[in-house]
Structure formats: structure tokens, C-alpha cells
Amino acid sequence: MAEPANAPVLPDGNGGFDPCPELLTEGEAVRYLRLDTTGVRDPRQSLRYYRERGLLRATKVGRCLRYRRVELERLLERLTDLRKP
């Protein structure tokens, strides 16, 4: 079954895009938020920063942190609201 034209996508790191899962690994979350394109040495630190400040919630699955796509969208909304004049 083909993905709808407006289905969320995730940069694949090679200039292309893949369908975006509902539950993302740390690396996928970094790519989803495009933190890997900002020139930051360790973009995972940005995810940790947002978690520690209560702006982003992660889910622990086994020993790994995962990020629900909806939580990443909420983070973007919160960051946008914080920057409104």
C-alpha cells in the first residue's frame, strides 16, 4: 500500500527521505528535527537539553530512549510559542 502524499517523512542522511515511523530512535529524532544540520558537535545534547527542561518527553524502551513523533511535534510547537513576540 502506498503512503499518502502528505505522510510524514524523515531525511535519510543521504539527501533522500524515508517514511517517518511513529516511534523514533535518538538518531532519527535528531534527523527529524534537523539538528544534524546546525553544526552542533553532538546534536544528541540538544535532545538531552530539551528533556531536562521538560520541553520534550522520551519513552524508555528496554535500555534505549525513543521519541514519539507526536512529542517531537509538541516540542516544535513549544519552541515556536516561546519565541513569539
PDB file of N, CA and C in Angstrom:
ATOM      1  N   MET A   1       0.844  -1.171   0.000  1.00  0.00           N
ATOM      2  CA  MET A   1       0.000   0.000   0.000  1.00  0.00           C
ATOM      3  C   MET A   1       0.890   1.234   0.000  1.00  0.00           C
ATOM      4  N   ALA A   2       0.627   2.187  -0.864  1.00  0.00           N
ATOM      5  CA  ALA A   2       1.424   3.405  -0.983  1.00  0.00           C
ATOM      6  C   ALA A   2       1.104   4.361   0.162  1.00  0.00           C
ATOM      7  N   GLU A   3       2.119   5.118   0.557  1.00  0.00           N
ATOM      8  CA  GLU A   3       1.942   6.135   1.586  1.00  0.00           C
ATOM      9  C   GLU A   3       1.156   7.308   0.996  1.00  0.00           C
ATOM     10  N   PRO A   4       0.289   7.960   1.789  1.00  0.00           N
ATOM     11  CA  PRO A   4      -0.395   9.158   1.296  1.00  0.00           C
ATOM     12  C   PRO A   4       0.628  10.242   0.969  1.00  0.00           C
ATOM     13  N   ALA A   5       0.276  11.131   0.067  1.00  0.00           N
ATOM     14  CA  ALA A   5       1.204  12.173  -0.372  1.00  0.00           C
ATOM     15  C   ALA A   5       1.644  13.075   0.775  1.00  0.00           C
ATOM     16  N   ASN A   6       0.824  13.229   1.800  1.00  0.00           N
ATOM     17  CA  ASN A   6       1.164  14.113   2.913  1.00  0.00           C
ATOM     18  C   ASN A   6       1.696  13.350   4.122  1.00  0.00           C
ATOM     19  N   ALA A   7       2.122  12.116   3.942  1.00  0.00           N
ATOM     20  CA  ALA A   7       2.652  11.310   5.046  1.00  0.00           C
ATOM     21  C   ALA A   7       3.971  11.910   5.525  1.00  0.00           C
ATOM     22  N   PRO A   8       4.207  11.915   6.845  1.00  0.00           N
ATOM     23  CA  PRO A   8       5.463  12.455   7.370  1.00  0.00           C
ATOM     24  C   PRO A   8       6.653  11.668   6.835  1.00  0.00           C
ATOM     25  N   VAL A   9       7.733  12.407   6.556  1.00  0.00           N
ATOM     26  CA  VAL A   9       8.953  11.785   6.060  1.00  0.00           C
ATOM     27  C   VAL A   9      10.110  12.175   6.962  1.00  0.00           C
ATOM     28  N   LEU A  10      11.175  11.407   6.856  1.00  0.00           N
ATOM     29  CA  LEU A  10      12.369  11.595   7.664  1.00  0.00           C
ATOM     30  C   LEU A  10      13.564  11.650   6.724  1.00  0.00           C
ATOM     31  N   PRO A  11      14.411  12.693   6.837  1.00  0.00           N
ATOM     32  CA  PRO A  11      15.613  12.706   5.993  1.00  0.00           C
ATOM     33  C   PRO A  11      16.438  11.446   6.247  1.00  0.00           C
ATOM     34  N   ASP A  12      16.937  10.843   5.176  1.00  0.00           N
ATOM     35  CA  ASP A  12      17.687   9.592   5.336  1.00  0.00           C
ATOM     36  C   ASP A  12      19.180   9.815   5.530  1.00  0.00           C
ATOM     37  N   GLY A  13      19.611  11.074   5.537  1.00  0.00           N
ATOM     38  CA  GLY A  13      21.024  11.381   5.727  1.00  0.00           C
ATOM     39  C   GLY A  13      21.821  11.365   4.444  1.00  0.00           C
ATOM     40  N   ASN A  14      21.180  10.978   3.356  1.00  0.00           N
ATOM     41  CA  ASN A  14      21.862  10.911   2.056  1.00  0.00           C
ATOM     42  C   ASN A  14      21.183  11.790   1.012  1.00  0.00           C
ATOM     43  N   GLY A  15      20.414  12.766   1.471  1.00  0.00           N
ATOM     44  CA  GLY A  15      19.720  13.660   0.555  1.00  0.00           C
ATOM     45  C   GLY A  15      18.339  13.184   0.156  1.00  0.00           C
ATOM     46  N   GLY A  16      17.933  12.004   0.619  1.00  0.00           N
ATOM     47  CA  GLY A  16      16.604  11.483   0.312  1.00  0.00           C
ATOM     48  C   GLY A  16      15.734  11.458   1.558  1.00  0.00           C
ATOM     49  N   PHE A  17      14.587  10.844   1.429  1.00  0.00           N
ATOM     50  CA  PHE A  17      13.638  10.768   2.529  1.00  0.00           C
ATOM     51  C   PHE A  17      13.045   9.377   2.626  1.00  0.00           C
ATOM     52  N   ASP A  18      12.719   8.971   3.859  1.00  0.00           N
ATOM     53  CA  ASP A  18      12.040   7.711   4.145  1.00  0.00           C
ATOM     54  C   ASP A  18      10.766   8.016   4.902  1.00  0.00           C
ATOM     55  N   PRO A  19       9.792   7.100   4.883  1.00  0.00           N
ATOM     56  CA  PRO A  19       8.609   7.301   5.725  1.00  0.00           C
ATOM     57  C   PRO A  19       9.032   7.422   7.188  1.00  0.00           C
ATOM     58  N   CYS A  20       8.382   8.300   7.905  1.00  0.00           N
ATOM     59  CA  CYS A  20       8.742   8.542   9.306  1.00  0.00           C
ATOM     60  C   CYS A  20       7.914   7.642  10.218  1.00  0.00           C
ATOM     61  N   PRO A  21       8.577   6.867  11.073  1.00  0.00           N
ATOM     62  CA  PRO A  21       7.845   5.999  11.997  1.00  0.00           C
ATOM     63  C   PRO A  21       7.206   6.809  13.126  1.00  0.00           C
ATOM     64  N   GLU A  22       6.287   6.197  13.838  1.00  0.00           N
ATOM     65  CA  GLU A  22       5.650   6.846  14.986  1.00  0.00           C
ATOM     66  C   GLU A  22       6.596   6.906  16.180  1.00  0.00           C
ATOM     67  N   LEU A  23       7.496   5.951  16.285  1.00  0.00           N
ATOM     68  CA  LEU A  23       8.443   5.870  17.390  1.00  0.00           C
ATOM     69  C   LEU A  23       9.853   5.946  16.809  1.00  0.00           C
ATOM     70  N   LEU A  24      10.606   6.977  17.206  1.00  0.00           N
ATOM     71  CA  LEU A  24      11.896   7.236  16.598  1.00  0.00           C
ATOM     72  C   LEU A  24      13.039   6.977  17.565  1.00  0.00           C
ATOM     73  N   THR A  25      14.144   6.493  17.023  1.00  0.00           N
ATOM     74  CA  THR A  25      15.364   6.352  17.800  1.00  0.00           C
ATOM     75  C   THR A  25      15.944   7.757  18.020  1.00  0.00           C
ATOM     76  N   GLU A  26      16.983   7.836  18.843  1.00  0.00           N
ATOM     77  CA  GLU A  26      17.627   9.121  19.086  1.00  0.00           C
ATOM     78  C   GLU A  26      18.173   9.714  17.781  1.00  0.00           C
ATOM     79  N   GLY A  27      18.820   8.888  16.984  1.00  0.00           N
ATOM     80  CA  GLY A  27      19.362   9.363  15.708  1.00  0.00           C
ATOM     81  C   GLY A  27      18.276   9.843  14.755  1.00  0.00           C
ATOM     82  N   GLU A  28      17.165   9.122  14.721  1.00  0.00           N
ATOM     83  CA  GLU A  28      16.047   9.530  13.869  1.00  0.00           C
ATOM     84  C   GLU A  28      15.443  10.836  14.361  1.00  0.00           C
ATOM     85  N   ALA A  29      15.344  10.997  15.685  1.00  0.00           N
ATOM     86  CA  ALA A  29      14.806  12.239  16.248  1.00  0.00           C
ATOM     87  C   ALA A  29      15.712  13.417  15.890  1.00  0.00           C
ATOM     88  N   VAL A  30      17.012  13.199  15.940  1.00  0.00           N
ATOM     89  CA  VAL A  30      17.970  14.239  15.545  1.00  0.00           C
ATOM     90  C   VAL A  30      17.742  14.633  14.099  1.00  0.00           C
ATOM     91  N   ARG A  31      17.586  13.650  13.220  1.00  0.00           N
ATOM     92  CA  ARG A  31      17.354  13.944  11.800  1.00  0.00           C
ATOM     93  C   ARG A  31      15.989  14.586  11.580  1.00  0.00           C
ATOM     94  N   TYR A  32      14.966  14.120  12.308  1.00  0.00           N
ATOM     95  CA  TYR A  32      13.621  14.671  12.166  1.00  0.00           C
ATOM     96  C   TYR A  32      13.612  16.166  12.494  1.00  0.00           C
ATOM     97  N   LEU A  33      14.317  16.537  13.564  1.00  0.00           N
ATOM     98  CA  LEU A  33      14.384  17.935  13.972  1.00  0.00           C
ATOM     99  C   LEU A  33      15.459  18.713  13.223  1.00  0.00           C
ATOM    100  N   ARG A  34      16.211  18.010  12.372  1.00  0.00           N
ATOM    101  CA  ARG A  34      17.282  18.591  11.570  1.00  0.00           C
ATOM    102  C   ARG A  34      18.403  19.169  12.433  1.00  0.00           C
ATOM    103  N   LEU A  35      18.595  18.598  13.612  1.00  0.00           N
ATOM    104  CA  LEU A  35      19.666  19.046  14.497  1.00  0.00           C
ATOM    105  C   LEU A  35      21.034  18.704  13.942  1.00  0.00           C
ATOM    106  N   ASP A  36      21.083  17.733  13.038  1.00  0.00           N
ATOM    107  CA  ASP A  36      22.356  17.321  12.444  1.00  0.00           C
ATOM    108  C   ASP A  36      22.847  18.299  11.384  1.00  0.00           C
ATOM    109  N   THR A  37      22.044  19.291  11.053  1.00  0.00           N
ATOM    110  CA  THR A  37      22.438  20.262  10.032  1.00  0.00           C
ATOM    111  C   THR A  37      22.791  21.614  10.630  1.00  0.00           C
ATOM    112  N   THR A  38      22.828  21.713  11.966  1.00  0.00           N
ATOM    113  CA  THR A  38      23.042  23.000  12.617  1.00  0.00           C
ATOM    114  C   THR A  38      24.495  23.268  12.949  1.00  0.00           C
ATOM    115  N   GLY A  39      25.372  22.310  12.729  1.00  0.00           N
ATOM    116  CA  GLY A  39      26.780  22.489  13.031  1.00  0.00           C
ATOM    117  C   GLY A  39      27.146  22.197  14.477  1.00  0.00           C
ATOM    118  N   VAL A  40      26.195  21.695  15.245  1.00  0.00           N
ATOM    119  CA  VAL A  40      26.460  21.337  16.635  1.00  0.00           C
ATOM    120  C   VAL A  40      27.301  20.064  16.649  1.00  0.00           C
ATOM    121  N   ARG A  41      28.286  20.001  17.524  1.00  0.00           N
ATOM    122  CA  ARG A  41      29.177  18.839  17.580  1.00  0.00           C
ATOM    123  C   ARG A  41      28.417  17.562  17.919  1.00  0.00           C
ATOM    124  N   ASP A  42      27.542  17.619  18.937  1.00  0.00           N
ATOM    125  CA  ASP A  42      26.772  16.437  19.341  1.00  0.00           C
ATOM    126  C   ASP A  42      25.302  16.819  19.459  1.00  0.00           C
ATOM    127  N   PRO A  43      24.533  16.663  18.392  1.00  0.00           N
ATOM    128  CA  PRO A  43      23.126  17.075  18.416  1.00  0.00           C
ATOM    129  C   PRO A  43      22.291  16.320  19.456  1.00  0.00           C
ATOM    130  N   ARG A  44      22.788  15.161  19.921  1.00  0.00           N
ATOM    131  CA  ARG A  44      22.050  14.434  20.957  1.00  0.00           C
ATOM    132  C   ARG A  44      22.005  15.241  22.246  1.00  0.00           C
ATOM    133  N   GLN A  45      22.997  16.118  22.446  1.00  0.00           N
ATOM    134  CA  GLN A  45      23.000  17.003  23.610  1.00  0.00           C
ATOM    135  C   GLN A  45      21.782  17.921  23.589  1.00  0.00           C
ATOM    136  N   SER A  46      21.371  18.339  22.390  1.00  0.00           N
ATOM    137  CA  SER A  46      20.189  19.195  22.276  1.00  0.00           C
ATOM    138  C   SER A  46      18.947  18.451  22.750  1.00  0.00           C
ATOM    139  N   LEU A  47      18.831  17.181  22.370  1.00  0.00           N
ATOM    140  CA  LEU A  47      17.687  16.391  22.848  1.00  0.00           C
ATOM    141  C   LEU A  47      17.718  16.288  24.365  1.00  0.00           C
ATOM    142  N   ARG A  48      18.883  16.047  24.938  1.00  0.00           N
ATOM    143  CA  ARG A  48      19.016  15.960  26.392  1.00  0.00           C
ATOM    144  C   ARG A  48      18.628  17.291  27.048  1.00  0.00           C
ATOM    145  N   TYR A  49      19.073  18.388  26.469  1.00  0.00           N
ATOM    146  CA  TYR A  49      18.748  19.723  26.980  1.00  0.00           C
ATOM    147  C   TYR A  49      17.227  19.921  27.029  1.00  0.00           C
ATOM    148  N   TYR A  50      16.549  19.587  25.936  1.00  0.00           N
ATOM    149  CA  TYR A  50      15.089  19.745  25.889  1.00  0.00           C
ATOM    150  C   TYR A  50      14.395  18.827  26.898  1.00  0.00           C
ATOM    151  N   ARG A  51      14.900  17.608  27.068  1.00  0.00           N
ATOM    152  CA  ARG A  51      14.321  16.689  28.059  1.00  0.00           C
ATOM    153  C   ARG A  51      14.489  17.233  29.463  1.00  0.00           C
ATOM    154  N   GLU A  52      15.684  17.692  29.794  1.00  0.00           N
ATOM    155  CA  GLU A  52      15.969  18.178  31.149  1.00  0.00           C
ATOM    156  C   GLU A  52      15.142  19.402  31.505  1.00  0.00           C
ATOM    157  N   ARG A  53      14.743  20.179  30.532  1.00  0.00           N
ATOM    158  CA  ARG A  53      13.930  21.362  30.772  1.00  0.00           C
ATOM    159  C   ARG A  53      12.437  21.092  30.658  1.00  0.00           C
ATOM    160  N   GLY A  54      12.087  19.845  30.452  1.00  0.00           N
ATOM    161  CA  GLY A  54      10.671  19.475  30.392  1.00  0.00           C
ATOM    162  C   GLY A  54       9.973  19.853  29.102  1.00  0.00           C
ATOM    163  N   LEU A  55      10.744  20.170  28.064  1.00  0.00           N
ATOM    164  CA  LEU A  55      10.149  20.535  26.782  1.00  0.00           C
ATOM    165  C   LEU A  55       9.907  19.331  25.881  1.00  0.00           C
ATOM    166  N   LEU A  56      10.572  18.222  26.177  1.00  0.00           N
ATOM    167  CA  LEU A  56      10.477  17.020  25.358  1.00  0.00           C
ATOM    168  C   LEU A  56      10.409  15.795  26.252  1.00  0.00           C
ATOM    169  N   ARG A  57       9.451  14.944  25.957  1.00  0.00           N
ATOM    170  CA  ARG A  57       9.334  13.684  26.696  1.00  0.00           C
ATOM    171  C   ARG A  57       9.823  12.543  25.826  1.00  0.00           C
ATOM    172  N   ALA A  58      10.588  11.662  26.447  1.00  0.00           N
ATOM    173  CA  ALA A  58      11.074  10.459  25.775  1.00  0.00           C
ATOM    174  C   ALA A  58      10.465   9.251  26.468  1.00  0.00           C
ATOM    175  N   THR A  59      10.459   8.132  25.778  1.00  0.00           N
ATOM    176  CA  THR A  59       9.948   6.883  26.313  1.00  0.00           C
ATOM    177  C   THR A  59      11.088   5.881  26.343  1.00  0.00           C
ATOM    178  N   LYS A  60      11.289   5.258  27.484  1.00  0.00           N
ATOM    179  CA  LYS A  60      12.346   4.262  27.582  1.00  0.00           C
ATOM    180  C   LYS A  60      11.781   2.911  27.155  1.00  0.00           C
ATOM    181  N   VAL A  61      12.400   2.344  26.152  1.00  0.00           N
ATOM    182  CA  VAL A  61      12.029   1.025  25.646  1.00  0.00           C
ATOM    183  C   VAL A  61      13.260   0.152  25.824  1.00  0.00           C
ATOM    184  N   GLY A  62      13.175  -0.784  26.758  1.00  0.00           N
ATOM    185  CA  GLY A  62      14.363  -1.555  27.110  1.00  0.00           C
ATOM    186  C   GLY A  62      15.368  -0.614  27.751  1.00  0.00           C
ATOM    187  N   ARG A  63      16.560  -0.562  27.200  1.00  0.00           N
ATOM    188  CA  ARG A  63      17.581   0.352  27.718  1.00  0.00           C
ATOM    189  C   ARG A  63      17.751   1.585  26.841  1.00  0.00           C
ATOM    190  N   CYS A  64      16.912   1.737  25.844  1.00  0.00           N
ATOM    191  CA  CYS A  64      17.060   2.832  24.886  1.00  0.00           C
ATOM    192  C   CYS A  64      15.927   3.848  25.022  1.00  0.00           C
ATOM    193  N   LEU A  65      16.263   5.109  24.787  1.00  0.00           N
ATOM    194  CA  LEU A  65      15.244   6.148  24.731  1.00  0.00           C
ATOM    195  C   LEU A  65      14.670   6.201  23.327  1.00  0.00           C
ATOM    196  N   ARG A  66      13.383   6.348  23.264  1.00  0.00           N
ATOM    197  CA  ARG A  66      12.688   6.524  21.985  1.00  0.00           C
ATOM    198  C   ARG A  66      11.831   7.773  22.087  1.00  0.00           C
ATOM    199  N   TYR A  67      11.548   8.359  20.954  1.00  0.00           N
ATOM    200  CA  TYR A  67      10.769   9.592  20.896  1.00  0.00           C
ATOM    201  C   TYR A  67       9.547   9.373  20.018  1.00  0.00           C
ATOM    202  N   ARG A  68       8.385   9.614  20.599  1.00  0.00           N
ATOM    203  CA  ARG A  68       7.165   9.540  19.799  1.00  0.00           C
ATOM    204  C   ARG A  68       7.135  10.760  18.884  1.00  0.00           C
ATOM    205  N   ARG A  69       6.739  10.553  17.662  1.00  0.00           N
ATOM    206  CA  ARG A  69       6.706  11.657  16.702  1.00  0.00           C
ATOM    207  C   ARG A  69       5.832  12.795  17.208  1.00  0.00           C
ATOM    208  N   VAL A  70       4.734  12.462  17.859  1.00  0.00           N
ATOM    209  CA  VAL A  70       3.839  13.494  18.385  1.00  0.00           C
ATOM    210  C   VAL A  70       4.553  14.348  19.433  1.00  0.00           C
ATOM    211  N   GLU A  71       5.473  13.751  20.200  1.00  0.00           N
ATOM    212  CA  GLU A  71       6.234  14.521  21.196  1.00  0.00           C
ATOM    213  C   GLU A  71       7.205  15.485  20.513  1.00  0.00           C
ATOM    214  N   LEU A  72       7.775  15.071  19.406  1.00  0.00           N
ATOM    215  CA  LEU A  72       8.662  15.960  18.658  1.00  0.00           C
ATOM    216  C   LEU A  72       7.874  17.131  18.073  1.00  0.00           C
ATOM    217  N   GLU A  73       6.664  16.857  17.612  1.00  0.00           N
ATOM    218  CA  GLU A  73       5.793  17.928  17.105  1.00  0.00           C
ATOM    219  C   GLU A  73       5.435  18.893  18.230  1.00  0.00           C
ATOM    220  N   ARG A  74       5.151  18.367  19.423  1.00  0.00           N
ATOM    221  CA  ARG A  74       4.842  19.232  20.579  1.00  0.00           C
ATOM    222  C   ARG A  74       6.040  20.098  20.939  1.00  0.00           C
ATOM    223  N   LEU A  75       7.235  19.527  20.872  1.00  0.00           N
ATOM    224  CA  LEU A  75       8.441  20.309  21.138  1.00  0.00           C
ATOM    225  C   LEU A  75       8.523  21.487  20.175  1.00  0.00           C
ATOM    226  N   LEU A  76       8.297  21.239  18.899  1.00  0.00           N
ATOM    227  CA  LEU A  76       8.358  22.315  17.914  1.00  0.00           C
ATOM    228  C   LEU A  76       7.320  23.391  18.214  1.00  0.00           C
ATOM    229  N   GLU A  77       6.117  22.985  18.624  1.00  0.00           N
ATOM    230  CA  GLU A  77       5.079  23.958  18.989  1.00  0.00           C
ATOM    231  C   GLU A  77       5.516  24.771  20.202  1.00  0.00           C
ATOM    232  N   ARG A  78       6.076  24.106  21.216  1.00  0.00           N
ATOM    233  CA  ARG A  78       6.530  24.814  22.422  1.00  0.00           C
ATOM    234  C   ARG A  78       7.645  25.798  22.090  1.00  0.00           C
ATOM    235  N   LEU A  79       8.596  25.384  21.286  1.00  0.00           N
ATOM    236  CA  LEU A  79       9.691  26.273  20.922  1.00  0.00           C
ATOM    237  C   LEU A  79       9.176  27.462  20.120  1.00  0.00           C
ATOM    238  N   THR A  80       8.214  27.226  19.266  1.00  0.00           N
ATOM    239  CA  THR A  80       7.618  28.318  18.478  1.00  0.00           C
ATOM    240  C   THR A  80       6.891  29.289  19.406  1.00  0.00           C
ATOM    241  N   ASP A  81       6.125  28.756  20.363  1.00  0.00           N
ATOM    242  CA  ASP A  81       5.400  29.603  21.302  1.00  0.00           C
ATOM    243  C   ASP A  81       6.354  30.423  22.166  1.00  0.00           C
ATOM    244  N   LEU A  82       7.488  29.845  22.564  1.00  0.00           N
ATOM    245  CA  LEU A  82       8.458  30.566  23.382  1.00  0.00           C
ATOM    246  C   LEU A  82       9.069  31.739  22.633  1.00  0.00           C
ATOM    247  N   ARG A  83       9.122  31.655  21.331  1.00  0.00           N
ATOM    248  CA  ARG A  83       9.776  32.702  20.527  1.00  0.00           C
ATOM    249  C   ARG A  83       8.799  33.724  19.962  1.00  0.00           C
ATOM    250  N   LYS A  84       7.521  33.596  20.274  1.00  0.00           N
ATOM    251  CA  LYS A  84       6.549  34.585  19.785  1.00  0.00           C
ATOM    252  C   LYS A  84       6.779  35.915  20.479  1.00  0.00           C
ATOM    253  N   PRO A  85       6.668  37.020  19.734  1.00  0.00           N
ATOM    254  CA  PRO A  85       6.878  38.360  20.334  1.00  0.00           C
ATOM    255  C   PRO A  85       5.815  38.717  21.336  1.00  0.00           C
TER     256      PRO A  85
END
